[in-house]
Amino acid sequence: MTDKQLVLALKAVADPARVKILRLLKQKGQCSIGKGVGMCACDVQDHVTLSQPTISHHMSILRKAGLVQAEKQGLWMWYRRNEKSLKELAHAVSADL
């Protein structure tokens, strides 16, 4: 993980709402379109007290940091954690800082 990637990831997880979203995305069986992991934006909105535009903003930051992946599923945007990037972040924090 480069220093730039590390800074982006740390900024992304510095917000309590984004930490909550990452925790939600870790839960299995919560997706309304039947995916085993991850959630649609509407599922995230059902679990946090934020508007859809605010959730989209947070998801954009998480995606730019590489911590979340997104895929269009019909009318829905489906999000899942990028476990590889999250492990790299944890390793960078524990080993490099």
C-alpha atoms as a PDB file:
ATOM      1  CA  MET A   1       0.000   0.000   0.000  1.00  0.00           C
ATOM      2  CA  THR A   2       1.469   3.344  -1.015  1.00  0.00           C
ATOM      3  CA  ASP A   3       1.530   6.314   1.336  1.00  0.00           C
ATOM      4  CA  LYS A   4      -1.135   8.007  -0.816  1.00  0.00           C
ATOM      5  CA  GLN A   5      -3.413   4.943  -0.614  1.00  0.00           C
ATOM      6  CA  LEU A   6      -2.829   4.734   3.129  1.00  0.00           C
ATOM      7  CA  VAL A   7      -3.799   8.380   3.641  1.00  0.00           C
ATOM      8  CA  LEU A   8      -6.973   7.961   1.526  1.00  0.00           C
ATOM      9  CA  ALA A   9      -7.962   4.850   3.450  1.00  0.00           C
ATOM     10  CA  LEU A  10      -7.298   6.425   6.841  1.00  0.00           C
ATOM     11  CA  LYS A  11      -9.347   9.489   5.890  1.00  0.00           C
ATOM     12  CA  ALA A  12     -12.154   7.198   4.736  1.00  0.00           C
ATOM     13  CA  VAL A  13     -12.314   5.297   8.023  1.00  0.00           C
ATOM     14  CA  ALA A  14     -11.964   8.454  10.106  1.00  0.00           C
ATOM     15  CA  ASP A  15     -15.710   9.099   9.830  1.00  0.00           C
ATOM     16  CA  PRO A  16     -18.054   7.202  12.205  1.00  0.00           C
ATOM     17  CA  ALA A  17     -20.740   6.810   9.531  1.00  0.00           C
ATOM     18  CA  ARG A  18     -18.290   5.149   7.157  1.00  0.00           C
ATOM     19  CA  VAL A  19     -17.058   2.818   9.891  1.00  0.00           C
ATOM     20  CA  LYS A  20     -20.684   1.845  10.538  1.00  0.00           C
ATOM     21  CA  ILE A  21     -21.227   1.235   6.810  1.00  0.00           C
ATOM     22  CA  LEU A  22     -18.138  -0.988   6.621  1.00  0.00           C
ATOM     23  CA  ARG A  23     -19.439  -2.983   9.591  1.00  0.00           C
ATOM     24  CA  LEU A  24     -22.862  -3.326   7.957  1.00  0.00           C
ATOM     25  CA  LEU A  25     -21.311  -4.584   4.741  1.00  0.00           C
ATOM     26  CA  LYS A  26     -19.546  -7.311   6.722  1.00  0.00           C
ATOM     27  CA  GLN A  27     -22.860  -8.856   7.808  1.00  0.00           C
ATOM     28  CA  LYS A  28     -24.118 -11.770   5.741  1.00  0.00           C
ATOM     29  CA  GLY A  29     -27.669 -12.211   4.498  1.00  0.00           C
ATOM     30  CA  GLN A  30     -28.673  -8.533   4.722  1.00  0.00           C
ATOM     31  CA  CYS A  31     -28.994  -7.794   0.982  1.00  0.00           C
ATOM     32  CA  SER A  32     -32.519  -7.311  -0.366  1.00  0.00           C
ATOM     33  CA  ILE A  33     -31.540  -8.495  -3.875  1.00  0.00           C
ATOM     34  CA  GLY A  34     -30.398 -11.885  -2.581  1.00  0.00           C
ATOM     35  CA  LYS A  35     -26.628 -11.488  -2.629  1.00  0.00           C
ATOM     36  CA  GLY A  36     -24.871 -13.442   0.102  1.00  0.00           C
ATOM     37  CA  VAL A  37     -22.583 -10.568   1.012  1.00  0.00           C
ATOM     38  CA  GLY A  38     -22.759  -6.809   0.733  1.00  0.00           C
ATOM     39  CA  MET A  39     -25.783  -4.575   0.493  1.00  0.00           C
ATOM     40  CA  CYS A  40     -27.655  -2.329  -1.874  1.00  0.00           C
ATOM     41  CA  ALA A  41     -27.685   1.371  -1.073  1.00  0.00           C
ATOM     42  CA  CYS A  42     -31.317   1.026   0.015  1.00  0.00           C
ATOM     43  CA  ASP A  43     -30.305  -1.677   2.521  1.00  0.00           C
ATOM     44  CA  VAL A  44     -27.623   0.593   3.957  1.00  0.00           C
ATOM     45  CA  GLN A  45     -30.173   3.400   4.211  1.00  0.00           C
ATOM     46  CA  ASP A  46     -32.486   1.089   6.203  1.00  0.00           C
ATOM     47  CA  HIS A  47     -29.739   0.588   8.816  1.00  0.00           C
ATOM     48  CA  VAL A  48     -28.341   4.108   9.189  1.00  0.00           C
ATOM     49  CA  THR A  49     -30.120   7.373   9.797  1.00  0.00           C
ATOM     50  CA  LEU A  50     -28.736   9.122   6.729  1.00  0.00           C
ATOM     51  CA  SER A  51     -30.339  10.291   3.515  1.00  0.00           C
ATOM     52  CA  GLN A  52     -29.682   8.505   0.233  1.00  0.00           C
ATOM     53  CA  PRO A  53     -27.484  11.360  -1.105  1.00  0.00           C
ATOM     54  CA  THR A  54     -25.403  11.303   2.084  1.00  0.00           C
ATOM     55  CA  ILE A  55     -24.972   7.528   1.834  1.00  0.00           C
ATOM     56  CA  SER A  56     -23.892   7.931  -1.800  1.00  0.00           C
ATOM     57  CA  HIS A  57     -21.326  10.502  -0.703  1.00  0.00           C
ATOM     58  CA  HIS A  58     -19.905   8.166   1.930  1.00  0.00           C
ATOM     59  CA  MET A  59     -19.864   5.231  -0.487  1.00  0.00           C
ATOM     60  CA  SER A  60     -17.985   7.353  -3.026  1.00  0.00           C
ATOM     61  CA  ILE A  61     -15.285   8.111  -0.471  1.00  0.00           C
ATOM     62  CA  LEU A  62     -15.018   4.436   0.493  1.00  0.00           C
ATOM     63  CA  ARG A  63     -14.803   3.446  -3.178  1.00  0.00           C
ATOM     64  CA  LYS A  64     -12.108   6.027  -3.964  1.00  0.00           C
ATOM     65  CA  ALA A  65     -10.115   4.709  -1.004  1.00  0.00           C
ATOM     66  CA  GLY A  66     -10.463   1.203  -2.442  1.00  0.00           C
ATOM     67  CA  LEU A  67     -12.222  -0.137   0.645  1.00  0.00           C
ATOM     68  CA  VAL A  68     -15.554  -0.848  -1.072  1.00  0.00           C
ATOM     69  CA  GLN A  69     -16.457  -2.209  -4.488  1.00  0.00           C
ATOM     70  CA  ALA A  70     -19.684  -1.326  -6.285  1.00  0.00           C
ATOM     71  CA  GLU A  71     -21.635  -3.006  -9.037  1.00  0.00           C
ATOM     72  CA  LYS A  72     -24.817  -1.938 -10.799  1.00  0.00           C
ATOM     73  CA  GLN A  73     -27.561  -4.573 -10.385  1.00  0.00           C
ATOM     74  CA  GLY A  74     -30.545  -3.485 -12.459  1.00  0.00           C
ATOM     75  CA  LEU A  75     -31.898  -0.379 -10.762  1.00  0.00           C
ATOM     76  CA  TRP A  76     -29.748  -0.874  -7.674  1.00  0.00           C
ATOM     77  CA  MET A  77     -26.159  -0.198  -6.759  1.00  0.00           C
ATOM     78  CA  TRP A  78     -24.732  -3.140  -4.835  1.00  0.00           C
ATOM     79  CA  TYR A  79     -21.764  -2.575  -2.518  1.00  0.00           C
ATOM     80  CA  ARG A  80     -19.378  -5.010  -0.900  1.00  0.00           C
ATOM     81  CA  ARG A  81     -16.236  -4.666   1.163  1.00  0.00           C
ATOM     82  CA  ASN A  82     -12.874  -5.020  -0.554  1.00  0.00           C
ATOM     83  CA  GLU A  83     -11.423  -7.457   1.954  1.00  0.00           C
ATOM     84  CA  LYS A  84      -7.975  -7.420   0.330  1.00  0.00           C
ATOM     85  CA  SER A  85      -7.686  -3.648   0.702  1.00  0.00           C
ATOM     86  CA  LEU A  86      -9.019  -3.740   4.254  1.00  0.00           C
ATOM     87  CA  LYS A  87      -6.403  -6.357   5.192  1.00  0.00           C
ATOM     88  CA  GLU A  88      -3.689  -4.250   3.555  1.00  0.00           C
ATOM     89  CA  LEU A  89      -4.865  -1.249   5.562  1.00  0.00           C
ATOM     90  CA  ALA A  90      -4.783  -3.219   8.805  1.00  0.00           C
ATOM     91  CA  HIS A  91      -1.313  -4.515   7.986  1.00  0.00           C
ATOM     92  CA  ALA A  92      -0.030  -1.042   7.059  1.00  0.00           C
ATOM     93  CA  VAL A  93      -1.343   0.438  10.287  1.00  0.00           C
ATOM     94  CA  SER A  94       0.069  -2.328  12.467  1.00  0.00           C
ATOM     95  CA  ALA A  95       3.422  -2.706  10.675  1.00  0.00           C
ATOM     96  CA  ASP A  96       4.252   0.706   9.272  1.00  0.00           C
ATOM     97  CA  LEU A  97       2.943   3.177  11.825  1.00  0.00           C
END
